[in-house]
Amino acid sequence: MKPFSLNEADTPVLLLDGAAADRNIARMAAFFADRSCRLRPHFKNHKCVSIARRQLAAGGAVGMTCAKLGEAEVLAEGGIGDILIANQVVGEAKARRAAELGGRVRLRVAADDAGPLQTLSAAATAAGVVIGILVEIDIGMGRCGVAPGEPALALARRVSDLPGLRFDGLQAYEGHAVYTVDAAERRQQTQAALQQAVATRRLLEAAGVPVAVVSGGSSATYAVAAATEGIDEVQAGTYVTMDWVYRQLVPEFETALSVLTTVISRPRPGVAVLDVGVKGVGHEFGPPRVRGCAEARVPTFASEEHCIVHQAPDWPVGARVELIPSHACTTANLHRALHVRDGDRIVDVWPIEASGRLT
C-alpha cells in the first residue's frame, strides 16, 4: 500500500508502532534464545496473524497460545501449525471443531474435567486424530483448574485411558500474581505458585505418568517462570503491544499500541471530547491515558462513543490525539485492523483476523 499521513486517517483508528513492536518481539525472542524453557506467545493480545508470524520468525518460540477455539482456527488458516488452546473445550459442537482442527495442526487443549474430555475423545476418535491434553491446575488464581497434586494425577490418568487423546502435561497460570506492582512481591508470589506446578509434575512422574510440558507464565512474570526448573513454556502475550498498566510492570518493553482519535468538541475551557469511547478502547484496568500530555486526565470512561478529557491543552476541534489503553488485549478485539505507523505515516494495514472470535 502507499503510505499516508496520520492526519489523513479516519478516526478512531488502532495504531501499531511497527518499529517498537518489532523491538519488543526481538527482546523477548533473545531472552528465550538459549533457554530450555521456550516461549509460546499468546495470540489473544493482538489476534493478528501478521504479528503471530513475526513472533515465530523471531525465534525462541515453539508455537502459539490461544484463548478460544475460534482464535486457533484463524491461526491454522494463517499457516501456524503448533497451537495450544489454554482453555477448556466444552460441548459437542466445539469438540467436533477441535477434532477437525487437530487434523490440520499439532493441537493441544487445556482440561480440568473428565466429562468434556469424553466428548472430545469421541470426536477425535471419529475424526481419526489425536489431540494433546494439558491438565489445568489452579495454582492460586481461583479460576479454572483442578487442585495441584493427587486430583491432577487422577485426571491425567483418566486422559491416558481415553482414545483420541494424549496426556502431554500441565497448564498452570499464576494470574493472581501478574498485576502485583511491587516487583519483589510479584516474584515471590510467582515462585510460590509455580512451585505447586513443579511439585505436581514430580508427583506425576514418580507415579509413572510422563509429563512432556508444563506451560504457564505471562509477560509480567516471564523471567521468573523461565528460570523455574520444571516450567517448559511461557505464554507471554502483552509484551508485543503493551498498554499503560503493563508498562508499569515490565518497563523494558515499549508501548506500541495506541488509538488515534479526533477532538470533536470543546464544550468548556479545559475540557475536550474525543471521538472514541468504550466501544473502541479497552478500559478494564482504568481509563486510557493521553500520549505526550501528562497533565491531561480522563477521570471516568463510560461513554460508548465519547472520551472526555479534563485539563486538556488548547487543542482545536479537529486536532488529533492519541490514547494509550489500560488493556491492550480487549482494545485489539474491538477493532478490525491495525494501522502500522512509522513516525507520522501509516505504512501498512494488517487485518485483526480473530477480532470478535468469542467461540
Protein backbone atom coordinates (compact mmCIF):
# COMPACT_ATOMS: atom_id res chain seq x y z
CA MET A 1 0.00 0.00 0.00
CA LYS A 2 1.01 3.61 -0.45
CA PRO A 3 1.94 5.24 2.89
CA PHE A 4 -0.21 8.14 4.04
CA SER A 5 -0.16 10.69 6.83
CA LEU A 6 -1.73 10.07 10.23
CA ASN A 7 -3.69 13.24 9.60
CA GLU A 8 -5.40 11.52 6.66
CA ALA A 9 -6.62 8.58 8.77
CA ASP A 10 -10.33 8.39 9.53
CA THR A 11 -10.60 8.14 13.31
CA PRO A 12 -10.87 6.40 15.64
CA VAL A 13 -8.20 4.04 14.37
CA LEU A 14 -5.98 1.48 16.10
CA LEU A 15 -2.28 2.22 15.61
CA LEU A 16 0.73 -0.05 16.00
CA ASP A 17 4.22 1.42 16.14
CA GLY A 18 5.84 -1.16 13.90
CA ALA A 19 9.41 -0.49 14.97
CA ALA A 20 8.55 -0.57 18.69
CA ALA A 21 6.59 -3.82 18.28
CA ASP A 22 9.49 -5.39 16.40
CA ARG A 23 11.90 -4.35 19.15
CA ASN A 24 9.60 -5.89 21.75
CA ILE A 25 9.40 -9.12 19.76
CA ALA A 26 13.18 -9.21 19.31
CA ARG A 27 13.81 -8.55 23.01
CA MET A 28 11.60 -11.44 24.14
CA ALA A 29 12.94 -13.77 21.45
CA ALA A 30 16.53 -13.01 22.52
CA PHE A 31 15.66 -13.72 26.16
CA PHE A 32 14.46 -17.22 25.25
CA ALA A 33 17.02 -17.94 22.54
CA ASP A 34 19.40 -20.05 24.66
CA ARG A 35 17.00 -21.34 27.32
CA SER A 36 15.49 -24.78 27.76
CA CYS A 37 12.23 -23.03 28.64
CA ARG A 38 10.59 -21.82 25.46
CA LEU A 39 8.20 -19.05 24.50
CA ARG A 40 4.64 -19.76 23.34
CA PRO A 41 3.22 -16.28 22.60
CA HIS A 42 -0.42 -15.63 23.46
CA PHE A 43 -2.45 -14.69 20.39
CA LYS A 44 -5.25 -13.09 22.42
CA ASN A 45 -3.15 -9.96 22.91
CA HIS A 46 -3.41 -8.83 19.29
CA LYS A 47 -5.39 -11.51 17.38
CA CYS A 48 -3.40 -10.57 14.27
CA VAL A 49 -1.82 -13.30 12.13
CA SER A 50 0.81 -10.92 10.74
CA ILE A 51 2.12 -10.32 14.27
CA ALA A 52 1.98 -14.02 15.14
CA ARG A 53 4.15 -14.81 12.14
CA ARG A 54 6.67 -12.18 13.23
CA GLN A 55 6.75 -13.62 16.74
CA LEU A 56 7.51 -17.12 15.48
CA ALA A 57 10.02 -15.93 12.89
CA ALA A 58 11.97 -14.07 15.59
CA GLY A 59 12.93 -17.35 17.27
CA GLY A 60 12.73 -18.69 20.79
CA ALA A 61 9.11 -19.78 20.32
CA VAL A 62 7.62 -23.25 19.85
CA GLY A 63 4.13 -22.24 18.72
CA MET A 64 1.20 -20.02 19.65
CA THR A 65 -1.23 -19.92 22.57
CA CYS A 66 -4.92 -19.11 22.12
CA ALA A 67 -7.76 -18.34 24.49
CA LYS A 68 -10.52 -19.62 22.23
CA LEU A 69 -11.05 -22.28 19.59
CA GLY A 70 -12.02 -19.59 17.08
CA GLU A 71 -8.62 -17.94 17.52
CA ALA A 72 -6.91 -21.28 16.91
CA GLU A 73 -8.89 -21.76 13.70
CA VAL A 74 -7.76 -18.34 12.49
CA LEU A 75 -4.12 -19.19 13.22
CA ALA A 76 -4.43 -22.50 11.37
CA GLU A 77 -5.88 -20.69 8.36
CA GLY A 78 -2.85 -18.40 8.56
CA GLY A 79 -0.42 -21.31 8.36
CA ILE A 80 0.52 -21.62 12.06
CA GLY A 81 0.97 -25.31 12.79
CA ASP A 82 1.54 -25.67 16.56
CA ILE A 83 -1.28 -24.32 18.73
CA LEU A 84 -2.28 -24.56 22.38
CA ILE A 85 -5.80 -23.59 23.41
CA ALA A 86 -5.15 -22.61 27.03
CA ASN A 87 -8.81 -23.04 27.88
CA GLN A 88 -11.48 -25.69 28.21
CA VAL A 89 -13.21 -27.02 25.09
CA VAL A 90 -16.74 -27.96 26.16
CA GLY A 91 -19.70 -29.24 24.17
CA GLU A 92 -20.19 -31.43 21.13
CA ALA A 93 -20.03 -28.61 18.59
CA LYS A 94 -16.67 -27.38 19.87
CA ALA A 95 -15.37 -30.94 20.19
CA ARG A 96 -16.10 -31.55 16.50
CA ARG A 97 -14.38 -28.29 15.56
CA ALA A 98 -11.36 -29.17 17.68
CA ALA A 99 -11.14 -32.60 16.08
CA GLU A 100 -11.25 -31.06 12.60
CA LEU A 101 -8.55 -28.61 13.61
CA GLY A 102 -6.50 -31.44 15.10
CA GLY A 103 -6.32 -32.97 11.64
CA ARG A 104 -4.55 -29.86 10.32
CA VAL A 105 -2.24 -28.73 13.13
CA ARG A 106 -0.47 -30.01 16.22
CA LEU A 107 -3.19 -29.16 18.71
CA ARG A 108 -3.23 -29.16 22.49
CA VAL A 109 -6.06 -28.02 24.76
CA ALA A 110 -6.38 -27.45 28.50
CA ALA A 111 -8.83 -29.50 30.56
CA ASP A 112 -9.94 -29.77 34.18
CA ASP A 113 -12.96 -32.11 33.96
CA ALA A 114 -13.41 -35.66 32.71
CA GLY A 115 -16.89 -35.09 31.25
CA PRO A 116 -15.92 -32.76 28.39
CA LEU A 117 -12.86 -34.91 27.77
CA GLN A 118 -15.11 -37.88 26.97
CA THR A 119 -16.92 -35.75 24.39
CA LEU A 120 -13.63 -34.58 22.94
CA SER A 121 -12.35 -38.16 22.87
CA ALA A 122 -15.38 -39.31 20.89
CA ALA A 123 -14.98 -36.50 18.37
CA ALA A 124 -11.24 -37.09 17.97
CA THR A 125 -11.72 -40.82 17.55
CA ALA A 126 -14.43 -40.30 14.93
CA ALA A 127 -12.11 -37.94 13.03
CA GLY A 128 -9.12 -40.25 13.32
CA VAL A 129 -6.95 -37.68 15.10
CA VAL A 130 -5.13 -37.40 18.41
CA ILE A 131 -5.38 -34.22 20.49
CA GLY A 132 -2.85 -33.39 23.19
CA ILE A 133 -4.23 -32.52 26.62
CA LEU A 134 -2.73 -30.31 29.31
CA VAL A 135 -4.43 -30.88 32.64
CA GLU A 136 -5.02 -27.43 34.09
CA ILE A 137 -4.25 -26.94 37.77
CA ASP A 138 -5.25 -23.97 39.89
CA ILE A 139 -2.09 -22.56 41.45
CA GLY A 140 -3.73 -19.55 43.03
CA MET A 141 -5.83 -17.62 40.53
CA GLY A 142 -9.09 -19.29 41.55
CA ARG A 143 -10.39 -19.58 38.01
CA CYS A 144 -10.23 -22.89 36.11
CA GLY A 145 -8.19 -25.90 37.13
CA VAL A 146 -8.19 -28.92 39.41
CA ALA A 147 -6.23 -28.74 42.65
CA PRO A 148 -2.50 -29.50 42.40
CA GLY A 149 -1.29 -32.91 43.46
CA GLU A 150 -3.48 -36.00 43.56
CA PRO A 151 -6.52 -34.50 41.73
CA ALA A 152 -4.26 -33.63 38.80
CA LEU A 153 -2.77 -37.11 38.82
CA ALA A 154 -6.23 -38.70 38.77
CA LEU A 155 -7.32 -36.60 35.79
CA ALA A 156 -4.06 -37.26 33.93
CA ARG A 157 -4.66 -40.99 34.31
CA ARG A 158 -8.19 -40.55 33.01
CA VAL A 159 -6.87 -38.72 29.95
CA SER A 160 -4.45 -41.56 29.27
CA ASP A 161 -7.36 -44.01 29.19
CA LEU A 162 -9.35 -42.07 26.58
CA PRO A 163 -8.84 -42.86 22.87
CA GLY A 164 -8.07 -39.96 20.59
CA LEU A 165 -6.44 -38.02 23.43
CA ARG A 166 -2.84 -37.87 24.60
CA PHE A 167 -1.80 -36.63 28.01
CA ASP A 168 1.02 -34.15 27.37
CA GLY A 169 1.41 -32.32 30.64
CA LEU A 170 0.12 -29.47 32.78
CA GLN A 171 -1.18 -25.95 32.37
CA ALA A 172 -0.58 -23.68 35.37
CA TYR A 173 -1.22 -19.94 35.18
CA GLU A 174 -0.17 -17.66 38.04
CA GLY A 175 -2.67 -14.98 37.05
CA HIS A 176 -3.19 -13.77 40.61
CA ALA A 177 0.44 -12.59 40.71
CA VAL A 178 0.65 -10.93 37.30
CA TYR A 179 -0.59 -7.44 38.23
CA THR A 180 1.28 -7.14 41.54
CA VAL A 181 3.07 -3.82 41.10
CA ASP A 182 5.96 -4.41 43.50
CA ALA A 183 8.49 -6.48 41.53
CA ALA A 184 9.91 -8.33 44.53
CA GLU A 185 6.46 -9.26 45.79
CA ARG A 186 5.40 -10.33 42.29
CA ARG A 187 8.49 -12.53 42.04
CA GLN A 188 7.76 -14.18 45.39
CA GLN A 189 4.12 -14.82 44.53
CA THR A 190 5.07 -16.23 41.14
CA GLN A 191 7.73 -18.55 42.55
CA ALA A 192 5.36 -19.87 45.22
CA ALA A 193 2.63 -20.52 42.67
CA LEU A 194 4.88 -22.21 40.12
CA GLN A 195 6.39 -24.49 42.74
CA GLN A 196 2.93 -26.06 43.07
CA ALA A 197 3.06 -26.87 39.36
CA VAL A 198 6.57 -28.29 39.63
CA ALA A 199 5.63 -30.41 42.65
CA THR A 200 2.63 -31.77 40.75
CA ARG A 201 4.86 -32.59 37.83
CA ARG A 202 7.21 -34.54 40.12
CA LEU A 203 4.26 -36.40 41.64
CA LEU A 204 3.00 -37.49 38.22
CA GLU A 205 6.44 -38.54 37.05
CA ALA A 206 7.02 -40.54 40.25
CA ALA A 207 3.69 -42.28 39.60
CA GLY A 208 4.85 -43.32 36.12
CA VAL A 209 2.91 -40.64 34.20
CA PRO A 210 5.33 -38.83 31.86
CA VAL A 211 4.98 -35.04 31.70
CA ALA A 212 6.20 -33.63 28.40
CA VAL A 213 5.42 -29.99 29.15
CA VAL A 214 4.35 -27.60 31.89
CA SER A 215 3.01 -24.39 30.37
CA GLY A 216 2.15 -21.09 32.05
CA GLY A 217 3.61 -17.66 32.65
CA SER A 218 2.91 -14.17 31.33
CA SER A 219 4.62 -11.03 30.09
CA ALA A 220 4.88 -9.75 33.67
CA THR A 221 6.34 -12.98 35.07
CA TYR A 222 8.28 -14.34 32.11
CA ALA A 223 11.73 -14.04 33.67
CA VAL A 224 10.73 -15.84 36.88
CA ALA A 225 8.85 -18.58 35.03
CA ALA A 226 11.71 -19.18 32.59
CA ALA A 227 14.15 -19.53 35.48
CA THR A 228 11.99 -22.09 37.30
CA GLU A 229 13.21 -25.65 36.73
CA GLY A 230 10.29 -27.75 35.60
CA ILE A 231 8.50 -25.00 33.66
CA ASP A 232 8.83 -25.59 29.91
CA GLU A 233 6.77 -22.85 28.24
CA VAL A 234 5.85 -19.24 28.92
CA GLN A 235 2.59 -17.92 27.45
CA ALA A 236 3.56 -14.25 27.27
CA GLY A 237 1.26 -12.05 25.20
CA THR A 238 1.11 -8.34 26.01
CA TYR A 239 4.85 -7.76 25.55
CA VAL A 240 4.29 -7.13 21.82
CA THR A 241 1.83 -4.23 22.06
CA MET A 242 1.88 -3.17 25.72
CA ASP A 243 -0.59 -0.87 27.49
CA TRP A 244 -0.01 1.68 30.21
CA VAL A 245 -0.82 -0.75 33.04
CA TYR A 246 1.55 -3.47 31.82
CA ARG A 247 4.24 -0.90 31.09
CA GLN A 248 4.40 -0.20 34.82
CA LEU A 249 5.17 -3.88 35.41
CA VAL A 250 7.75 -4.56 32.67
CA PRO A 251 9.18 -1.21 31.56
CA GLU A 252 11.80 -2.92 29.41
CA PHE A 253 9.09 -3.28 26.74
CA GLU A 254 7.80 -0.29 24.78
CA THR A 255 4.23 0.89 24.37
CA ALA A 256 3.47 0.12 20.72
CA LEU A 257 -0.35 0.26 20.68
CA SER A 258 -2.48 3.39 20.68
CA VAL A 259 -5.81 4.65 19.45
CA LEU A 260 -5.75 7.74 17.25
CA THR A 261 -8.74 9.99 17.88
CA THR A 262 -10.10 13.39 16.85
CA VAL A 263 -11.25 16.24 19.06
CA ILE A 264 -14.92 16.68 18.17
CA SER A 265 -15.94 19.24 20.81
CA ARG A 266 -14.53 21.88 23.19
CA PRO A 267 -17.64 22.40 25.35
CA ARG A 268 -15.88 24.49 28.02
CA PRO A 269 -12.36 25.62 28.95
CA GLY A 270 -10.01 22.79 29.83
CA VAL A 271 -12.34 20.08 28.51
CA ALA A 272 -12.08 18.26 25.19
CA VAL A 273 -14.27 15.49 23.81
CA LEU A 274 -12.72 12.80 21.61
CA ASP A 275 -14.48 10.55 19.10
CA VAL A 276 -13.97 7.20 20.84
CA GLY A 277 -15.46 5.52 23.90
CA VAL A 278 -15.69 2.10 25.46
CA LYS A 279 -16.57 0.60 22.07
CA GLY A 280 -13.08 1.45 20.85
CA VAL A 281 -10.74 1.34 23.87
CA GLY A 282 -10.38 -1.46 26.42
CA HIS A 283 -10.73 0.06 29.88
CA GLU A 284 -10.98 -2.82 32.38
CA PHE A 285 -7.95 -1.61 34.33
CA GLY A 286 -8.74 2.08 34.16
CA PRO A 287 -9.37 4.85 31.64
CA PRO A 288 -6.91 5.50 28.83
CA ARG A 289 -4.08 7.99 29.10
CA VAL A 290 -3.24 10.72 26.62
CA ARG A 291 0.09 10.15 24.88
CA GLY A 292 2.54 13.02 25.23
CA CYS A 293 0.36 15.06 27.57
CA ALA A 294 0.92 14.11 31.21
CA GLU A 295 -1.35 16.83 32.59
CA ALA A 296 -4.43 15.66 30.64
CA ARG A 297 -6.81 13.42 32.57
CA VAL A 298 -9.61 11.04 31.68
CA PRO A 299 -11.25 10.74 35.12
CA THR A 300 -14.08 8.45 34.04
CA PHE A 301 -14.61 6.40 30.92
CA ALA A 302 -18.16 5.19 30.48
CA SER A 303 -19.50 6.66 27.25
CA GLU A 304 -19.91 4.40 24.24
CA GLU A 305 -18.54 6.82 21.63
CA HIS A 306 -17.02 9.71 23.59
CA CYS A 307 -13.94 10.27 25.72
CA ILE A 308 -13.97 13.40 27.90
CA VAL A 309 -10.50 14.78 28.63
CA HIS A 310 -10.02 17.18 31.54
CA GLN A 311 -7.10 19.57 31.90
CA ALA A 312 -6.86 19.42 28.12
CA PRO A 313 -4.36 21.67 26.33
CA ASP A 314 -5.56 24.19 23.79
CA TRP A 315 -6.48 21.57 21.19
CA PRO A 316 -8.78 22.92 18.47
CA VAL A 317 -11.73 20.93 17.20
CA GLY A 318 -10.29 18.58 14.58
CA ALA A 319 -6.97 18.06 16.39
CA ARG A 320 -5.59 14.52 16.56
CA VAL A 321 -4.99 12.93 19.99
CA GLU A 322 -3.52 9.51 20.78
CA LEU A 323 -4.82 7.42 23.66
CA ILE A 324 -2.89 4.64 25.39
CA PRO A 325 -5.36 2.00 26.65
CA SER A 326 -5.16 0.33 30.04
CA HIS A 327 -5.80 -3.05 28.41
CA ALA A 328 -4.29 -3.83 25.02
CA CYS A 329 -5.95 -7.23 24.59
CA THR A 330 -9.55 -6.07 24.73
CA THR A 331 -8.70 -2.98 22.71
CA ALA A 332 -7.42 -5.10 19.82
CA ASN A 333 -10.57 -7.22 19.99
CA LEU A 334 -12.68 -4.09 19.39
CA HIS A 335 -11.03 -3.27 16.05
CA ARG A 336 -10.82 -4.99 12.68
CA ALA A 337 -7.39 -3.75 11.57
CA LEU A 338 -4.06 -2.49 12.88
CA HIS A 339 -2.68 0.55 11.12
CA VAL A 340 1.08 0.21 11.25
CA ARG A 341 2.80 3.52 11.79
CA ASP A 342 6.29 4.74 11.08
CA GLY A 343 6.55 8.12 12.75
CA ASP A 344 3.73 10.28 11.43
CA ARG A 345 2.92 7.97 8.50
CA ILE A 346 0.80 4.86 8.19
CA VAL A 347 2.84 2.40 6.15
CA ASP A 348 0.70 -0.74 6.27
CA VAL A 349 -2.64 -2.11 7.42
CA TRP A 350 -2.81 -5.56 9.00
CA PRO A 351 -6.16 -7.28 9.50
CA ILE A 352 -7.05 -8.42 13.02
CA GLU A 353 -8.43 -11.70 11.74
CA ALA A 354 -9.56 -13.07 15.11
CA SER A 355 -11.31 -9.90 16.27
CA GLY A 356 -14.64 -10.85 17.79
CA ARG A 357 -13.90 -14.58 17.75
CA LEU A 358 -15.53 -15.49 21.05
CA THR A 359 -16.39 -19.16 20.42
